[in-house]
Amino acid sequence: MLRIFVLVLGTLISQAALAQTVRAPDFDRLAGNSRIVLMPLDVELFTMTAGGMTEPQAHWTDQARGHLLASLRRREAAMDTPLIELTEQDSKVAELNHLHGAVAGAIALHHYLTYYELPTKEKRMDWHIGADTDWLREKTGADYALFLFVRDSYATAERKVTMFLAAMLGVGIPAGIQIGYASLVDLQTGQIVWFNRLVRGTGDLREAEPAEESITALLDKFPRQ
């Protein structure tokens, strides 16, 4: 999946780190006394080989997940809405996270890239999670669910050599790419009411400070009550 993102979104690396926030047409702000359940973070880090293939790195992934979660906990008060952490990873939760990753990728492809626009949506933020979410509302007492999907890759030594040789020929090859999606889902309807995207070629989620910066970008313009 990461390789597909690199091929499709690589041209966007030069854009600013702050993601581009969009909202559903009928959504302005959170209702008073709203509660948000924080879904388990969907995070994975990779190395990128000389040929551009990606290989998952479990230790790096654990580091990144810890830094991102710590950042979310620190900024909960500033979000003006309590976060309920959903720590259990049963099959229904895992399936919902998987569906979000697929839908978020489709939003990034069809909503932000003009060439892939869907004429039927007419640039409207009209997307649903694609599964029943009412059970999660009953389980947690939350009104919304916050999903975070993050993929990050880092060049191997061989990749860096390839980059150097390519640069001598006037060809630019990315060292890696950081992709993040944040979605706020209305658990009563399954509608994605707020979405944010981060795409850049810098940042290191294995360190606390860059991870903090990524969360700041992903939660830019997060809706308030």
Protein backbone atom coordinates (compact mmCIF):
# COMPACT_ATOMS: atom_id res chain seq x y z
CA MET A 1 0.00 0.00 0.00
CA LEU A 2 2.77 2.46 0.85
CA ARG A 3 4.38 1.95 -2.56
CA ILE A 4 1.10 2.94 -4.26
CA PHE A 5 0.95 6.10 -2.17
CA VAL A 6 4.54 6.94 -3.08
CA LEU A 7 3.81 6.61 -6.78
CA VAL A 8 0.55 8.58 -6.71
CA LEU A 9 1.38 11.23 -4.14
CA GLY A 10 5.11 11.66 -4.58
CA THR A 11 4.57 14.81 -6.62
CA LEU A 12 3.04 16.47 -3.57
CA ILE A 13 6.10 16.17 -1.32
CA SER A 14 7.15 19.73 -2.02
CA GLN A 15 3.90 21.11 -0.58
CA ALA A 16 3.74 22.56 2.93
CA ALA A 17 3.69 20.15 5.86
CA LEU A 18 0.35 21.42 7.13
CA ALA A 19 -2.42 19.22 5.83
CA GLN A 20 -5.42 20.42 3.90
CA THR A 21 -8.52 20.28 6.08
CA VAL A 22 -11.96 19.58 4.61
CA ARG A 23 -15.38 19.22 6.24
CA ALA A 24 -18.66 17.63 5.27
CA PRO A 25 -21.07 20.18 3.75
CA ASP A 26 -23.51 20.01 6.68
CA PHE A 27 -20.87 19.99 9.44
CA ASP A 28 -19.67 23.17 11.11
CA ARG A 29 -18.67 22.30 14.66
CA LEU A 30 -19.09 19.65 17.35
CA ALA A 31 -22.32 19.62 19.28
CA GLY A 32 -22.06 20.66 22.93
CA ASN A 33 -20.88 17.98 25.37
CA SER A 34 -19.70 15.75 22.53
CA ARG A 35 -17.42 12.83 23.33
CA ILE A 36 -14.79 11.38 21.00
CA VAL A 37 -13.37 7.88 21.06
CA LEU A 38 -9.76 7.66 19.90
CA MET A 39 -9.32 4.57 17.78
CA PRO A 40 -6.09 2.55 18.08
CA LEU A 41 -3.48 4.36 16.00
CA ASP A 42 -2.93 2.80 12.58
CA VAL A 43 0.81 3.42 12.26
CA GLU A 44 3.56 1.65 10.34
CA LEU A 45 7.16 2.63 9.56
CA PHE A 46 9.30 1.22 6.75
CA THR A 47 12.74 1.28 5.25
CA MET A 48 12.92 2.11 1.54
CA THR A 49 15.35 0.02 -0.52
CA ALA A 50 17.46 1.17 -3.45
CA GLY A 51 14.72 0.07 -5.85
CA GLY A 52 11.96 1.83 -3.94
CA MET A 53 10.52 -1.26 -2.23
CA THR A 54 9.40 -0.87 1.37
CA GLU A 55 10.10 -3.20 4.31
CA PRO A 56 8.19 -2.83 7.61
CA GLN A 57 10.16 -2.09 10.79
CA ALA A 58 8.32 -3.22 13.92
CA HIS A 59 10.61 -1.52 16.46
CA TRP A 60 10.40 1.82 14.70
CA THR A 61 6.63 1.44 14.46
CA ASP A 62 6.35 0.91 18.23
CA GLN A 63 8.49 4.00 18.84
CA ALA A 64 6.38 6.12 16.53
CA ARG A 65 3.08 4.91 17.98
CA GLY A 66 4.27 5.75 21.49
CA HIS A 67 5.37 9.27 20.51
CA LEU A 68 2.15 10.00 18.60
CA LEU A 69 -0.07 8.72 21.40
CA ALA A 70 1.83 10.74 24.01
CA SER A 71 1.36 13.85 21.87
CA LEU A 72 -2.37 13.22 21.58
CA ARG A 73 -2.68 12.84 25.34
CA ARG A 74 -0.83 16.11 25.93
CA ARG A 75 -3.10 18.11 23.64
CA GLU A 76 -6.41 16.58 24.73
CA ALA A 77 -7.26 19.58 26.94
CA ALA A 78 -6.61 22.00 24.07
CA MET A 79 -9.00 20.03 21.86
CA ASP A 80 -11.91 21.15 24.07
CA THR A 81 -13.40 17.64 23.89
CA PRO A 82 -12.55 14.59 26.03
CA LEU A 83 -10.92 11.65 24.26
CA ILE A 84 -11.89 8.12 25.20
CA GLU A 85 -9.00 5.78 24.38
CA LEU A 86 -10.07 2.49 22.84
CA THR A 87 -7.22 0.17 23.69
CA GLU A 88 -8.74 -3.22 22.90
CA GLN A 89 -8.01 -4.63 19.46
CA ASP A 90 -10.82 -7.10 18.71
CA SER A 91 -11.75 -8.09 15.17
CA LYS A 92 -14.49 -5.46 14.81
CA VAL A 93 -12.14 -2.66 15.86
CA ALA A 94 -9.40 -3.93 13.55
CA GLU A 95 -11.86 -4.16 10.65
CA LEU A 96 -13.06 -0.62 11.24
CA ASN A 97 -9.46 0.66 11.30
CA HIS A 98 -8.73 -1.22 8.08
CA LEU A 99 -11.80 0.25 6.39
CA HIS A 100 -10.79 3.73 7.48
CA GLY A 101 -7.36 3.32 5.90
CA ALA A 102 -8.96 2.32 2.60
CA VAL A 103 -11.53 5.14 2.64
CA ALA A 104 -8.95 7.74 3.71
CA GLY A 105 -6.71 6.69 0.84
CA ALA A 106 -9.64 7.08 -1.55
CA ILE A 107 -10.38 10.56 -0.20
CA ALA A 108 -6.73 11.58 -0.63
CA LEU A 109 -6.77 10.29 -4.20
CA HIS A 110 -10.16 11.52 -5.40
CA HIS A 111 -10.67 14.69 -3.38
CA TYR A 112 -7.23 16.31 -3.54
CA LEU A 113 -5.87 15.28 -6.93
CA THR A 114 -7.66 17.02 -9.78
CA TYR A 115 -6.88 14.28 -12.29
CA TYR A 116 -8.67 11.69 -10.13
CA GLU A 117 -11.69 13.76 -9.12
CA LEU A 118 -15.04 11.96 -8.96
CA PRO A 119 -17.58 14.00 -10.96
CA THR A 120 -20.49 12.70 -8.88
CA LYS A 121 -19.08 14.27 -5.71
CA GLU A 122 -18.35 17.68 -7.28
CA LYS A 123 -15.52 18.32 -4.77
CA ARG A 124 -17.94 17.87 -1.86
CA MET A 125 -16.61 16.11 1.22
CA ASP A 126 -19.21 13.35 1.04
CA TRP A 127 -17.68 10.16 2.37
CA HIS A 128 -18.72 7.42 4.80
CA ILE A 129 -16.61 4.92 6.71
CA GLY A 130 -18.29 2.07 4.85
CA ALA A 131 -19.44 0.05 7.86
CA ASP A 132 -21.91 0.13 10.75
CA THR A 133 -20.55 2.34 13.54
CA ASP A 134 -23.56 2.47 15.86
CA TRP A 135 -22.19 -0.45 17.88
CA LEU A 136 -19.10 1.61 18.71
CA ARG A 137 -21.29 4.49 19.90
CA GLU A 138 -23.19 2.12 22.19
CA LYS A 139 -19.98 0.48 23.41
CA THR A 140 -18.11 3.68 24.30
CA GLY A 141 -20.82 6.31 24.80
CA ALA A 142 -18.99 8.50 22.28
CA ASP A 143 -20.57 10.63 19.58
CA TYR A 144 -17.58 10.63 17.24
CA ALA A 145 -14.52 8.50 16.52
CA LEU A 146 -11.10 9.94 15.69
CA PHE A 147 -9.05 7.77 13.31
CA LEU A 148 -5.37 8.35 12.58
CA PHE A 149 -3.56 6.57 9.77
CA VAL A 150 0.19 7.21 9.42
CA ARG A 151 2.83 5.66 7.17
CA ASP A 152 6.46 6.79 7.10
CA SER A 153 9.51 5.47 5.24
CA TYR A 154 13.26 6.05 5.52
CA ALA A 155 16.00 5.51 2.98
CA THR A 156 18.48 2.68 3.46
CA ALA A 157 22.19 3.30 2.80
CA GLU A 158 21.73 1.69 -0.62
CA ARG A 159 18.81 4.00 -1.36
CA LYS A 160 20.93 7.02 -0.49
CA VAL A 161 23.63 5.86 -2.92
CA THR A 162 20.97 5.50 -5.62
CA MET A 163 19.72 9.00 -4.84
CA PHE A 164 23.25 10.40 -5.14
CA LEU A 165 23.88 8.71 -8.48
CA ALA A 166 20.49 9.79 -9.80
CA ALA A 167 21.14 13.37 -8.71
CA MET A 168 24.35 13.38 -10.74
CA LEU A 169 22.15 12.63 -13.77
CA GLY A 170 19.71 15.36 -12.85
CA VAL A 171 17.03 12.97 -11.57
CA GLY A 172 15.40 13.54 -8.19
CA ILE A 173 14.51 10.47 -6.09
CA PRO A 174 12.77 10.87 -2.70
CA ALA A 175 14.46 9.51 0.40
CA GLY A 176 11.12 8.55 1.88
CA ILE A 177 7.64 9.88 2.35
CA GLN A 178 5.44 10.59 5.37
CA ILE A 179 1.71 10.21 4.81
CA GLY A 180 -0.92 10.85 7.45
CA TYR A 181 -4.71 10.96 7.49
CA ALA A 182 -6.94 12.07 10.36
CA SER A 183 -10.70 11.52 10.18
CA LEU A 184 -13.54 12.41 12.52
CA VAL A 185 -16.48 10.06 12.04
CA ASP A 186 -20.04 10.63 13.24
CA LEU A 187 -20.82 7.32 14.93
CA GLN A 188 -24.55 7.69 14.43
CA THR A 189 -24.33 7.93 10.65
CA GLY A 190 -20.84 6.69 9.77
CA GLN A 191 -20.19 9.93 7.88
CA ILE A 192 -16.68 11.39 7.84
CA VAL A 193 -17.43 14.94 8.93
CA TRP A 194 -13.85 16.25 9.08
CA PHE A 195 -10.70 15.08 7.30
CA ASN A 196 -7.08 16.18 7.24
CA ARG A 197 -4.15 15.00 5.15
CA LEU A 198 -0.41 15.28 5.64
CA VAL A 199 2.05 14.45 2.84
CA ARG A 200 5.73 15.39 3.02
CA GLY A 201 9.25 14.11 2.51
CA THR A 202 10.60 15.22 5.89
CA GLY A 203 10.07 14.38 9.54
CA ASP A 204 11.12 11.43 11.68
CA LEU A 205 8.41 9.77 13.75
CA ARG A 206 11.03 7.79 15.65
CA GLU A 207 11.75 10.97 17.63
CA ALA A 208 9.34 12.74 20.00
CA GLU A 209 9.65 16.29 18.66
CA PRO A 210 9.03 15.51 14.97
CA ALA A 211 6.15 13.23 15.99
CA GLU A 212 4.66 16.14 17.93
CA GLU A 213 4.93 18.27 14.79
CA SER A 214 3.10 15.64 12.76
CA ILE A 215 0.22 15.50 15.24
CA THR A 216 0.05 19.31 15.21
CA ALA A 217 -0.27 19.20 11.41
CA LEU A 218 -2.81 16.37 11.39
CA LEU A 219 -5.04 18.08 13.97
CA ASP A 220 -4.79 21.51 12.35
CA LYS A 221 -8.22 23.21 12.41
CA PHE A 222 -9.72 20.35 14.42
CA PRO A 223 -13.41 21.15 15.06
CA ARG A 224 -14.40 22.56 18.41
CA GLN A 225 -17.64 22.64 20.36
